[in-house]
Amino acid sequence: MENIESEQTPFAAVTAQTSKIQRQYQALLDQSTPFVLYRWIGTAAFLAVFFLRILLAQGWYIVAYALGIYLLNLFLAFLQPKFDPSNDLLDNEMEDGSAGGLPTKQDEEFRPFIRRLPEFKFWHEATRAVVIAFTCSWFEIFNVPVFWPVLVMYWIILFVLTMRKQIQHMIKYRYVPFSLGKARYGKSSTS
């Protein structure tokens, strides 16, 4: 008796193994979802190992810079609302033909803060970026000679300017992307 699997083509066998690995990877991600703090501690530890590698090897600064820019981009997407109020305002003005302002508190409806990039996707993309950057730091082709203090200063300036713009946007449209300091409603334990 012959196995049915022995009649598979090589492409079908590779596809079956790939889908099996993808399912196992997705199951691992699903199991890690509730452990937010541990996920971020693991990513921070791996990021520290990456920066230690960069410092000890005295190279691959352009890889570290690219990682920093990408992580900054992810962080900004994490802070921004999915539906930008400034775009909504422009859309309403174009539809009405009037240049009206934001709604007042009496007639505005409650809209919860929905992130443009959810926390889990932010963590997953950041961790994947650190893994790719760490892998690139082992190949000499990515070791482009650059004067690293210029990259560090440019990244700091870019960070300050983009965060200032984001904070001004948050103040202008009155939204807070974090739940720190917000009222929590739940069971009150009275003894």
N, C-alpha and C. Protein backbone atom coordinates (compact mmCIF):
# COMPACT_ATOMS: atom_id res chain seq x y z
N MET A 1 0.83 -1.17 0.00
CA MET A 1 0.00 0.00 0.00
C MET A 1 0.88 1.24 0.00
N GLU A 2 0.54 2.12 -0.90
CA GLU A 2 1.33 3.33 -1.01
C GLU A 2 0.60 4.48 -0.32
N ASN A 3 1.39 5.39 0.22
CA ASN A 3 0.84 6.58 0.85
C ASN A 3 0.31 7.55 -0.19
N ILE A 4 -0.71 8.27 0.18
CA ILE A 4 -1.23 9.32 -0.69
C ILE A 4 -0.22 10.46 -0.77
N GLU A 5 0.52 10.70 0.33
CA GLU A 5 1.49 11.78 0.37
C GLU A 5 2.64 11.56 -0.59
N SER A 6 2.98 10.33 -0.91
CA SER A 6 4.09 10.08 -1.82
C SER A 6 3.75 10.49 -3.25
N GLU A 7 2.47 10.66 -3.55
CA GLU A 7 2.07 11.08 -4.88
C GLU A 7 2.00 12.59 -5.02
N GLN A 8 2.28 13.31 -3.94
CA GLN A 8 2.24 14.77 -4.00
C GLN A 8 3.40 15.30 -4.82
N THR A 9 3.16 16.42 -5.46
CA THR A 9 4.24 17.08 -6.18
C THR A 9 5.12 17.80 -5.16
N PRO A 10 6.34 18.12 -5.51
CA PRO A 10 7.20 18.85 -4.56
C PRO A 10 6.61 20.21 -4.17
N PHE A 11 5.97 20.88 -5.12
CA PHE A 11 5.36 22.17 -4.81
C PHE A 11 4.24 22.02 -3.78
N ALA A 12 3.42 20.99 -3.93
CA ALA A 12 2.33 20.77 -2.98
C ALA A 12 2.87 20.42 -1.60
N ALA A 13 3.96 19.68 -1.55
CA ALA A 13 4.56 19.33 -0.26
C ALA A 13 5.11 20.57 0.45
N VAL A 14 5.77 21.44 -0.32
CA VAL A 14 6.31 22.67 0.26
C VAL A 14 5.17 23.57 0.72
N THR A 15 4.11 23.66 -0.07
CA THR A 15 2.96 24.47 0.30
C THR A 15 2.31 23.95 1.58
N ALA A 16 2.20 22.64 1.68
CA ALA A 16 1.60 22.05 2.89
C ALA A 16 2.45 22.33 4.12
N GLN A 17 3.77 22.22 3.99
CA GLN A 17 4.65 22.50 5.13
C GLN A 17 4.62 23.98 5.50
N THR A 18 4.57 24.84 4.48
CA THR A 18 4.52 26.28 4.74
C THR A 18 3.25 26.66 5.47
N SER A 19 2.13 26.12 5.03
CA SER A 19 0.87 26.45 5.70
C SER A 19 0.83 25.87 7.11
N LYS A 20 1.46 24.72 7.33
CA LYS A 20 1.53 24.15 8.68
C LYS A 20 2.36 25.05 9.60
N ILE A 21 3.49 25.54 9.10
CA ILE A 21 4.34 26.43 9.90
C ILE A 21 3.62 27.75 10.17
N GLN A 22 2.90 28.27 9.17
CA GLN A 22 2.14 29.51 9.37
C GLN A 22 1.05 29.34 10.41
N ARG A 23 0.38 28.21 10.42
CA ARG A 23 -0.65 27.95 11.44
C ARG A 23 -0.04 27.86 12.83
N GLN A 24 1.12 27.20 12.94
CA GLN A 24 1.79 27.10 14.24
C GLN A 24 2.24 28.48 14.73
N TYR A 25 2.76 29.29 13.81
CA TYR A 25 3.19 30.65 14.15
C TYR A 25 2.00 31.49 14.61
N GLN A 26 0.89 31.39 13.89
CA GLN A 26 -0.31 32.14 14.26
C GLN A 26 -0.85 31.68 15.61
N ALA A 27 -0.79 30.38 15.88
CA ALA A 27 -1.23 29.87 17.18
C ALA A 27 -0.35 30.42 18.30
N LEU A 28 0.95 30.51 18.05
CA LEU A 28 1.86 31.08 19.04
C LEU A 28 1.55 32.56 19.29
N LEU A 29 1.27 33.30 18.20
CA LEU A 29 0.90 34.70 18.36
C LEU A 29 -0.40 34.83 19.13
N ASP A 30 -1.38 33.99 18.83
CA ASP A 30 -2.66 34.04 19.53
C ASP A 30 -2.50 33.75 21.02
N GLN A 31 -1.60 32.82 21.36
CA GLN A 31 -1.38 32.50 22.77
C GLN A 31 -0.68 33.64 23.49
N SER A 32 0.14 34.42 22.78
CA SER A 32 0.89 35.51 23.43
C SER A 32 0.09 36.80 23.55
N THR A 33 -1.09 36.86 22.96
CA THR A 33 -1.88 38.10 22.95
C THR A 33 -2.16 38.67 24.35
N PRO A 34 -2.58 37.90 25.34
CA PRO A 34 -2.91 38.52 26.63
C PRO A 34 -1.70 38.98 27.44
N PHE A 35 -0.50 38.59 27.08
CA PHE A 35 0.69 38.90 27.87
C PHE A 35 1.40 40.14 27.32
N VAL A 36 0.75 41.29 27.44
CA VAL A 36 1.25 42.53 26.84
C VAL A 36 2.61 42.92 27.43
N LEU A 37 2.70 42.95 28.74
CA LEU A 37 3.94 43.38 29.39
C LEU A 37 5.10 42.46 29.03
N TYR A 38 4.89 41.15 29.05
CA TYR A 38 5.97 40.21 28.74
C TYR A 38 6.39 40.29 27.28
N ARG A 39 5.44 40.55 26.39
CA ARG A 39 5.79 40.71 24.97
C ARG A 39 6.70 41.91 24.78
N TRP A 40 6.34 43.03 25.42
CA TRP A 40 7.14 44.24 25.25
C TRP A 40 8.49 44.12 25.95
N ILE A 41 8.53 43.42 27.08
CA ILE A 41 9.83 43.20 27.75
C ILE A 41 10.74 42.38 26.85
N GLY A 42 10.19 41.36 26.20
CA GLY A 42 10.98 40.55 25.27
C GLY A 42 11.49 41.36 24.09
N THR A 43 10.65 42.22 23.55
CA THR A 43 11.07 43.05 22.42
C THR A 43 12.14 44.04 22.86
N ALA A 44 11.96 44.65 24.04
CA ALA A 44 12.96 45.60 24.56
C ALA A 44 14.29 44.90 24.83
N ALA A 45 14.24 43.68 25.34
CA ALA A 45 15.47 42.93 25.59
C ALA A 45 16.18 42.61 24.27
N PHE A 46 15.41 42.20 23.27
CA PHE A 46 16.02 41.89 21.99
C PHE A 46 16.58 43.16 21.33
N LEU A 47 15.90 44.30 21.51
CA LEU A 47 16.39 45.57 21.01
C LEU A 47 17.69 45.95 21.71
N ALA A 48 17.78 45.69 23.02
CA ALA A 48 19.01 45.97 23.76
C ALA A 48 20.16 45.09 23.26
N VAL A 49 19.85 43.82 22.96
CA VAL A 49 20.88 42.93 22.40
C VAL A 49 21.34 43.46 21.05
N PHE A 50 20.40 43.94 20.24
CA PHE A 50 20.76 44.50 18.93
C PHE A 50 21.68 45.71 19.10
N PHE A 51 21.32 46.64 20.00
CA PHE A 51 22.16 47.82 20.18
C PHE A 51 23.51 47.46 20.80
N LEU A 52 23.54 46.45 21.64
CA LEU A 52 24.81 45.97 22.17
C LEU A 52 25.68 45.42 21.03
N ARG A 53 25.06 44.70 20.13
CA ARG A 53 25.77 44.19 18.94
C ARG A 53 26.34 45.34 18.11
N ILE A 54 25.56 46.39 17.93
CA ILE A 54 26.01 47.54 17.15
C ILE A 54 27.17 48.25 17.84
N LEU A 55 27.06 48.42 19.15
CA LEU A 55 28.13 49.09 19.90
C LEU A 55 29.42 48.28 19.91
N LEU A 56 29.31 46.98 20.13
CA LEU A 56 30.51 46.15 20.19
C LEU A 56 31.16 45.95 18.83
N ALA A 57 30.36 45.86 17.79
CA ALA A 57 30.90 45.65 16.44
C ALA A 57 31.40 46.95 15.82
N GLN A 58 31.00 48.09 16.37
CA GLN A 58 31.40 49.40 15.85
C GLN A 58 31.08 49.54 14.35
N GLY A 59 29.85 49.18 14.01
CA GLY A 59 29.43 49.29 12.61
C GLY A 59 27.94 49.13 12.49
N TRP A 60 27.47 49.04 11.27
CA TRP A 60 26.06 48.84 10.94
C TRP A 60 25.18 49.96 11.52
N TYR A 61 25.73 51.18 11.54
CA TYR A 61 24.97 52.31 12.08
C TYR A 61 23.78 52.65 11.19
N ILE A 62 23.93 52.44 9.90
CA ILE A 62 22.83 52.77 8.99
C ILE A 62 21.66 51.81 9.21
N VAL A 63 21.93 50.57 9.60
CA VAL A 63 20.87 49.61 9.92
C VAL A 63 20.14 50.06 11.19
N ALA A 64 20.91 50.50 12.18
CA ALA A 64 20.30 50.98 13.42
C ALA A 64 19.49 52.25 13.16
N TYR A 65 19.97 53.12 12.29
CA TYR A 65 19.24 54.34 11.94
C TYR A 65 17.93 54.00 11.23
N ALA A 66 17.99 53.08 10.28
CA ALA A 66 16.79 52.67 9.55
C ALA A 66 15.77 52.05 10.52
N LEU A 67 16.27 51.24 11.46
CA LEU A 67 15.38 50.66 12.47
C LEU A 67 14.74 51.75 13.32
N GLY A 68 15.52 52.74 13.72
CA GLY A 68 14.99 53.84 14.52
C GLY A 68 13.92 54.63 13.79
N ILE A 69 14.13 54.89 12.51
CA ILE A 69 13.14 55.61 11.71
C ILE A 69 11.87 54.79 11.58
N TYR A 70 12.01 53.48 11.35
CA TYR A 70 10.84 52.62 11.20
C TYR A 70 10.06 52.52 12.50
N LEU A 71 10.76 52.38 13.63
CA LEU A 71 10.08 52.31 14.92
C LEU A 71 9.38 53.64 15.25
N LEU A 72 9.99 54.76 14.87
CA LEU A 72 9.35 56.06 15.06
C LEU A 72 8.07 56.15 14.23
N ASN A 73 8.12 55.66 13.01
CA ASN A 73 6.95 55.65 12.14
C ASN A 73 5.83 54.79 12.74
N LEU A 74 6.20 53.62 13.27
CA LEU A 74 5.21 52.76 13.91
C LEU A 74 4.60 53.44 15.14
N PHE A 75 5.44 54.10 15.93
CA PHE A 75 4.95 54.75 17.13
C PHE A 75 3.98 55.88 16.80
N LEU A 76 4.28 56.63 15.75
CA LEU A 76 3.37 57.70 15.34
C LEU A 76 2.04 57.13 14.87
N ALA A 77 2.08 56.02 14.14
CA ALA A 77 0.83 55.39 13.71
C ALA A 77 0.05 54.87 14.91
N PHE A 78 0.75 54.43 15.95
CA PHE A 78 0.12 53.96 17.18
C PHE A 78 -0.58 55.10 17.92
N LEU A 79 -0.01 56.29 17.86
CA LEU A 79 -0.58 57.44 18.57
C LEU A 79 -1.75 58.09 17.83
N GLN A 80 -1.83 57.90 16.53
CA GLN A 80 -2.82 58.60 15.74
C GLN A 80 -4.16 57.87 15.74
N PRO A 81 -5.25 58.62 15.68
CA PRO A 81 -6.57 57.98 15.58
C PRO A 81 -6.78 57.41 14.18
N LYS A 82 -7.59 56.37 14.13
CA LYS A 82 -7.87 55.73 12.84
C LYS A 82 -8.58 56.70 11.91
N PHE A 83 -9.51 57.46 12.46
CA PHE A 83 -10.24 58.46 11.69
C PHE A 83 -9.75 59.82 12.13
N ASP A 84 -8.94 60.45 11.32
CA ASP A 84 -8.31 61.72 11.67
C ASP A 84 -9.35 62.84 11.71
N PRO A 85 -9.49 63.54 12.84
CA PRO A 85 -10.49 64.60 12.93
C PRO A 85 -10.22 65.76 11.97
N SER A 86 -8.97 66.03 11.63
CA SER A 86 -8.69 67.12 10.70
C SER A 86 -9.19 66.76 9.30
N ASN A 87 -9.11 65.50 8.92
CA ASN A 87 -9.65 65.07 7.62
C ASN A 87 -11.18 65.10 7.64
N ASP A 88 -11.78 64.70 8.75
CA ASP A 88 -13.24 64.75 8.87
C ASP A 88 -13.74 66.18 8.74
N LEU A 89 -13.02 67.12 9.34
CA LEU A 89 -13.40 68.53 9.26
C LEU A 89 -13.35 69.02 7.82
N LEU A 90 -12.29 68.67 7.10
CA LEU A 90 -12.17 69.08 5.70
C LEU A 90 -13.27 68.46 4.86
N ASP A 91 -13.58 67.18 5.10
CA ASP A 91 -14.64 66.51 4.36
C ASP A 91 -15.99 67.19 4.59
N ASN A 92 -16.28 67.53 5.84
CA ASN A 92 -17.56 68.19 6.17
C ASN A 92 -17.65 69.56 5.52
N GLU A 93 -16.53 70.30 5.52
CA GLU A 93 -16.54 71.62 4.90
C GLU A 93 -16.79 71.51 3.40
N MET A 94 -16.21 70.51 2.76
CA MET A 94 -16.38 70.36 1.32
C MET A 94 -17.82 69.95 0.99
N GLU A 95 -18.42 69.11 1.81
CA GLU A 95 -19.79 68.67 1.56
C GLU A 95 -20.78 69.80 1.78
N ASP A 96 -20.62 70.53 2.87
CA ASP A 96 -21.57 71.59 3.23
C ASP A 96 -21.35 72.87 2.44
N GLY A 97 -20.11 73.10 2.05
CA GLY A 97 -19.80 74.36 1.39
C GLY A 97 -19.59 75.48 2.38
N SER A 98 -19.64 75.16 3.67
CA SER A 98 -19.43 76.18 4.70
C SER A 98 -18.17 75.86 5.48
N ALA A 99 -17.60 76.87 6.03
CA ALA A 99 -16.38 76.69 6.82
C ALA A 99 -16.76 76.66 8.29
N GLY A 100 -17.46 75.64 8.71
CA GLY A 100 -17.89 75.52 10.11
C GLY A 100 -16.78 74.98 10.98
N GLY A 101 -16.92 75.18 12.28
CA GLY A 101 -15.92 74.70 13.22
C GLY A 101 -16.26 73.31 13.74
N LEU A 102 -15.54 72.91 14.77
CA LEU A 102 -15.81 71.63 15.40
C LEU A 102 -17.13 71.69 16.15
N PRO A 103 -17.81 70.57 16.30
CA PRO A 103 -19.08 70.58 17.03
C PRO A 103 -18.88 70.98 18.49
N THR A 104 -19.92 71.56 19.06
CA THR A 104 -19.85 71.92 20.47
C THR A 104 -20.11 70.69 21.32
N LYS A 105 -19.89 70.82 22.62
CA LYS A 105 -20.06 69.67 23.49
C LYS A 105 -21.50 69.22 23.61
N GLN A 106 -22.47 70.12 23.40
CA GLN A 106 -23.86 69.73 23.54
C GLN A 106 -24.31 68.80 22.42
N ASP A 107 -23.87 69.07 21.22
CA ASP A 107 -24.40 68.27 20.12
C ASP A 107 -23.39 67.28 19.53
N GLU A 108 -22.23 67.16 20.13
CA GLU A 108 -21.29 66.19 19.58
C GLU A 108 -21.54 64.82 20.20
N GLU A 109 -21.37 63.79 19.41
CA GLU A 109 -21.60 62.44 19.90
C GLU A 109 -20.30 61.81 20.37
N PHE A 110 -20.41 60.83 21.23
CA PHE A 110 -19.25 60.15 21.77
C PHE A 110 -18.63 59.26 20.70
N ARG A 111 -17.33 59.43 20.50
CA ARG A 111 -16.60 58.56 19.59
C ARG A 111 -15.38 58.04 20.34
N PRO A 112 -15.28 56.76 20.54
CA PRO A 112 -14.13 56.23 21.27
C PRO A 112 -12.86 56.37 20.44
N PHE A 113 -11.73 56.39 21.12
CA PHE A 113 -10.44 56.50 20.43
C PHE A 113 -10.07 55.14 19.85
N ILE A 114 -9.99 55.08 18.55
CA ILE A 114 -9.58 53.86 17.85
C ILE A 114 -8.25 54.17 17.19
N ARG A 115 -7.25 53.38 17.51
CA ARG A 115 -5.91 53.63 16.98
C ARG A 115 -5.81 53.26 15.50
N ARG A 116 -4.94 53.99 14.82
CA ARG A 116 -4.66 53.65 13.43
C ARG A 116 -3.86 52.35 13.36
N LEU A 117 -2.98 52.13 14.34
CA LEU A 117 -2.20 50.91 14.44
C LEU A 117 -2.43 50.31 15.82
N PRO A 118 -3.16 49.20 15.93
CA PRO A 118 -3.43 48.60 17.24
C PRO A 118 -2.14 48.15 17.94
N GLU A 119 -2.23 48.01 19.26
CA GLU A 119 -1.05 47.66 20.07
C GLU A 119 -0.42 46.36 19.62
N PHE A 120 -1.21 45.33 19.36
CA PHE A 120 -0.63 44.03 19.00
C PHE A 120 0.11 44.11 17.67
N LYS A 121 -0.46 44.80 16.70
CA LYS A 121 0.22 44.95 15.41
C LYS A 121 1.48 45.79 15.56
N PHE A 122 1.41 46.80 16.43
CA PHE A 122 2.59 47.62 16.72
C PHE A 122 3.70 46.75 17.29
N TRP A 123 3.37 45.93 18.27
CA TRP A 123 4.37 45.04 18.86
C TRP A 123 4.91 44.05 17.83
N HIS A 124 4.03 43.45 17.05
CA HIS A 124 4.45 42.44 16.08
C HIS A 124 5.37 43.05 15.02
N GLU A 125 5.00 44.21 14.49
CA GLU A 125 5.83 44.85 13.47
C GLU A 125 7.16 45.33 14.05
N ALA A 126 7.14 45.85 15.28
CA ALA A 126 8.38 46.30 15.92
C ALA A 126 9.32 45.14 16.18
N THR A 127 8.78 44.03 16.67
CA THR A 127 9.61 42.86 16.94
C THR A 127 10.18 42.30 15.65
N ARG A 128 9.36 42.25 14.62
CA ARG A 128 9.83 41.75 13.33
C ARG A 128 10.94 42.65 12.77
N ALA A 129 10.79 43.96 12.94
CA ALA A 129 11.80 44.90 12.46
C ALA A 129 13.12 44.71 13.21
N VAL A 130 13.05 44.49 14.51
CA VAL A 130 14.26 44.27 15.30
C VAL A 130 14.95 42.98 14.85
N VAL A 131 14.18 41.93 14.60
CA VAL A 131 14.76 40.66 14.14
C VAL A 131 15.44 40.86 12.78
N ILE A 132 14.79 41.57 11.88
CA ILE A 132 15.39 41.80 10.56
C ILE A 132 16.65 42.65 10.68
N ALA A 133 16.61 43.69 11.51
CA ALA A 133 17.79 44.54 11.69
C ALA A 133 18.94 43.75 12.32
N PHE A 134 18.60 42.90 13.30
CA PHE A 134 19.65 42.08 13.93
C PHE A 134 20.27 41.13 12.91
N THR A 135 19.44 40.55 12.06
CA THR A 135 19.95 39.65 11.01
C THR A 135 20.84 40.42 10.03
N CYS A 136 20.41 41.62 9.66
CA CYS A 136 21.21 42.43 8.72
C CYS A 136 22.56 42.83 9.32
N SER A 137 22.63 42.92 10.65
CA SER A 137 23.89 43.33 11.27
C SER A 137 24.96 42.25 11.22
N TRP A 138 24.66 41.08 10.70
CA TRP A 138 25.64 40.01 10.57
C TRP A 138 26.18 39.90 9.15
N PHE A 139 25.70 40.76 8.24
CA PHE A 139 26.17 40.72 6.86
C PHE A 139 26.95 42.00 6.56
N GLU A 140 28.13 41.82 6.02
CA GLU A 140 29.04 42.93 5.77
C GLU A 140 28.50 43.90 4.72
N ILE A 141 27.63 43.44 3.85
CA ILE A 141 27.10 44.32 2.81
C ILE A 141 26.29 45.48 3.38
N PHE A 142 25.72 45.29 4.57
CA PHE A 142 24.92 46.34 5.21
C PHE A 142 25.75 47.26 6.10
N ASN A 143 27.04 46.99 6.18
CA ASN A 143 27.93 47.81 7.00
C ASN A 143 28.44 48.98 6.17
N VAL A 144 27.58 49.96 5.95
CA VAL A 144 27.94 51.14 5.16
C VAL A 144 28.66 52.13 6.08
N PRO A 145 29.84 52.58 5.68
CA PRO A 145 30.56 53.52 6.56
C PRO A 145 29.89 54.90 6.57
N VAL A 146 29.45 55.29 7.75
CA VAL A 146 28.83 56.60 7.94
C VAL A 146 29.36 57.20 9.23
N PHE A 147 29.23 58.51 9.36
CA PHE A 147 29.60 59.20 10.58
C PHE A 147 28.39 59.16 11.50
N TRP A 148 28.39 58.26 12.48
CA TRP A 148 27.20 57.97 13.26
C TRP A 148 26.67 59.13 14.09
N PRO A 149 27.50 60.07 14.61
CA PRO A 149 26.89 61.16 15.38
C PRO A 149 25.91 62.01 14.56
N VAL A 150 26.15 62.13 13.26
CA VAL A 150 25.22 62.88 12.41
C VAL A 150 23.88 62.16 12.35
N LEU A 151 23.91 60.83 12.23
CA LEU A 151 22.67 60.05 12.20
C LEU A 151 21.91 60.17 13.51
N VAL A 152 22.62 60.13 14.62
CA VAL A 152 21.97 60.23 15.93
C VAL A 152 21.32 61.60 16.09
N MET A 153 22.03 62.66 15.74
CA MET A 153 21.48 64.01 15.85
C MET A 153 20.29 64.19 14.91
N TYR A 154 20.40 63.68 13.70
CA TYR A 154 19.30 63.80 12.75
C TYR A 154 18.07 63.05 13.26
N TRP A 155 18.26 61.86 13.86
CA TRP A 155 17.14 61.09 14.40
C TRP A 155 16.49 61.83 15.57
N ILE A 156 17.31 62.43 16.44
CA ILE A 156 16.77 63.16 17.59
C ILE A 156 15.96 64.37 17.11
N ILE A 157 16.49 65.10 16.14
CA ILE A 157 15.76 66.26 15.60
C ILE A 157 14.46 65.80 14.96
N LEU A 158 14.50 64.73 14.20
CA LEU A 158 13.30 64.20 13.56
C LEU A 158 12.28 63.77 14.60
N PHE A 159 12.73 63.11 15.67
CA PHE A 159 11.85 62.67 16.74
C PHE A 159 11.18 63.87 17.42
N VAL A 160 11.95 64.88 17.76
CA VAL A 160 11.40 66.05 18.45
C VAL A 160 10.39 66.77 17.58
N LEU A 161 10.71 66.98 16.31
CA LEU A 161 9.80 67.70 15.43
C LEU A 161 8.50 66.93 15.19
N THR A 162 8.60 65.63 14.94
CA THR A 162 7.38 64.86 14.67
C THR A 162 6.53 64.71 15.92
N MET A 163 7.16 64.54 17.08
CA MET A 163 6.38 64.42 18.31
C MET A 163 5.74 65.76 18.67
N ARG A 164 6.42 66.87 18.42
CA ARG A 164 5.81 68.18 18.67
C ARG A 164 4.57 68.36 17.80
N LYS A 165 4.69 67.98 16.53
CA LYS A 165 3.55 68.09 15.63
C LYS A 165 2.39 67.19 16.08
N GLN A 166 2.72 65.97 16.53
CA GLN A 166 1.69 65.04 16.98
C GLN A 166 1.01 65.53 18.25
N ILE A 167 1.78 66.06 19.17
CA ILE A 167 1.21 66.58 20.42
C ILE A 167 0.32 67.79 20.14
N GLN A 168 0.73 68.66 19.22
CA GLN A 168 -0.11 69.80 18.85
C GLN A 168 -1.41 69.32 18.23
N HIS A 169 -1.35 68.27 17.43
CA HIS A 169 -2.56 67.71 16.82
C HIS A 169 -3.48 67.14 17.89
N MET A 170 -2.89 66.47 18.89
CA MET A 170 -3.68 65.89 19.98
C MET A 170 -4.36 67.00 20.80
N ILE A 171 -3.65 68.08 21.03
CA ILE A 171 -4.23 69.19 21.80
C ILE A 171 -5.32 69.88 20.99
N LYS A 172 -5.07 70.10 19.72
CA LYS A 172 -6.04 70.81 18.88
C LYS A 172 -7.36 70.06 18.78
N TYR A 173 -7.29 68.74 18.60
CA TYR A 173 -8.52 67.96 18.41
C TYR A 173 -8.95 67.21 19.66
N ARG A 174 -8.33 67.52 20.80
CA ARG A 174 -8.72 67.03 22.12
C ARG A 174 -8.89 65.52 22.19
N TYR A 175 -7.84 64.80 21.91
CA TYR A 175 -7.89 63.36 22.12
C TYR A 175 -6.62 62.92 22.84
N VAL A 176 -6.78 61.88 23.63
CA VAL A 176 -5.67 61.31 24.39
C VAL A 176 -5.57 59.84 24.00
N PRO A 177 -4.45 59.42 23.42
CA PRO A 177 -4.36 58.04 22.96
C PRO A 177 -4.07 57.02 24.06
N PHE A 178 -3.88 57.47 25.27
CA PHE A 178 -3.58 56.54 26.37
C PHE A 178 -4.72 56.56 27.37
N SER A 179 -4.87 55.47 28.08
CA SER A 179 -5.95 55.39 29.07
C SER A 179 -5.46 55.80 30.46
N LEU A 180 -4.24 56.29 30.57
CA LEU A 180 -3.74 56.76 31.85
C LEU A 180 -4.47 58.02 32.25
N GLY A 181 -4.98 58.07 33.45
CA GLY A 181 -5.67 59.25 33.95
C GLY A 181 -7.13 59.35 33.57
N LYS A 182 -7.60 58.46 32.73
CA LYS A 182 -9.02 58.47 32.36
C LYS A 182 -9.81 57.74 33.43
N ALA A 183 -11.06 58.11 33.59
CA ALA A 183 -11.92 57.47 34.59
C ALA A 183 -12.19 56.03 34.19
N ARG A 184 -12.15 55.14 35.16
CA ARG A 184 -12.47 53.73 34.92
C ARG A 184 -13.74 53.40 35.69
N TYR A 185 -14.64 52.77 34.99
CA TYR A 185 -15.91 52.39 35.60
C TYR A 185 -15.96 50.87 35.71
N GLY A 186 -16.34 50.40 36.86
CA GLY A 186 -16.41 48.96 37.07
C GLY A 186 -17.00 48.68 38.44
N LYS A 187 -16.76 47.47 38.89
CA LYS A 187 -17.27 47.08 40.21
C LYS A 187 -16.53 47.84 41.28
N SER A 188 -17.27 48.43 42.19
CA SER A 188 -16.63 49.09 43.34
C SER A 188 -16.75 48.15 44.53
N SER A 189 -15.63 47.91 45.14
CA SER A 189 -15.64 46.99 46.28
C SER A 189 -15.88 47.78 47.56
N THR A 190 -17.05 47.64 48.12
CA THR A 190 -17.37 48.31 49.38
C THR A 190 -17.43 47.25 50.48
N SER A 191 -16.71 47.50 51.55
CA SER A 191 -16.71 46.53 52.63
C SER A 191 -17.35 47.10 53.86
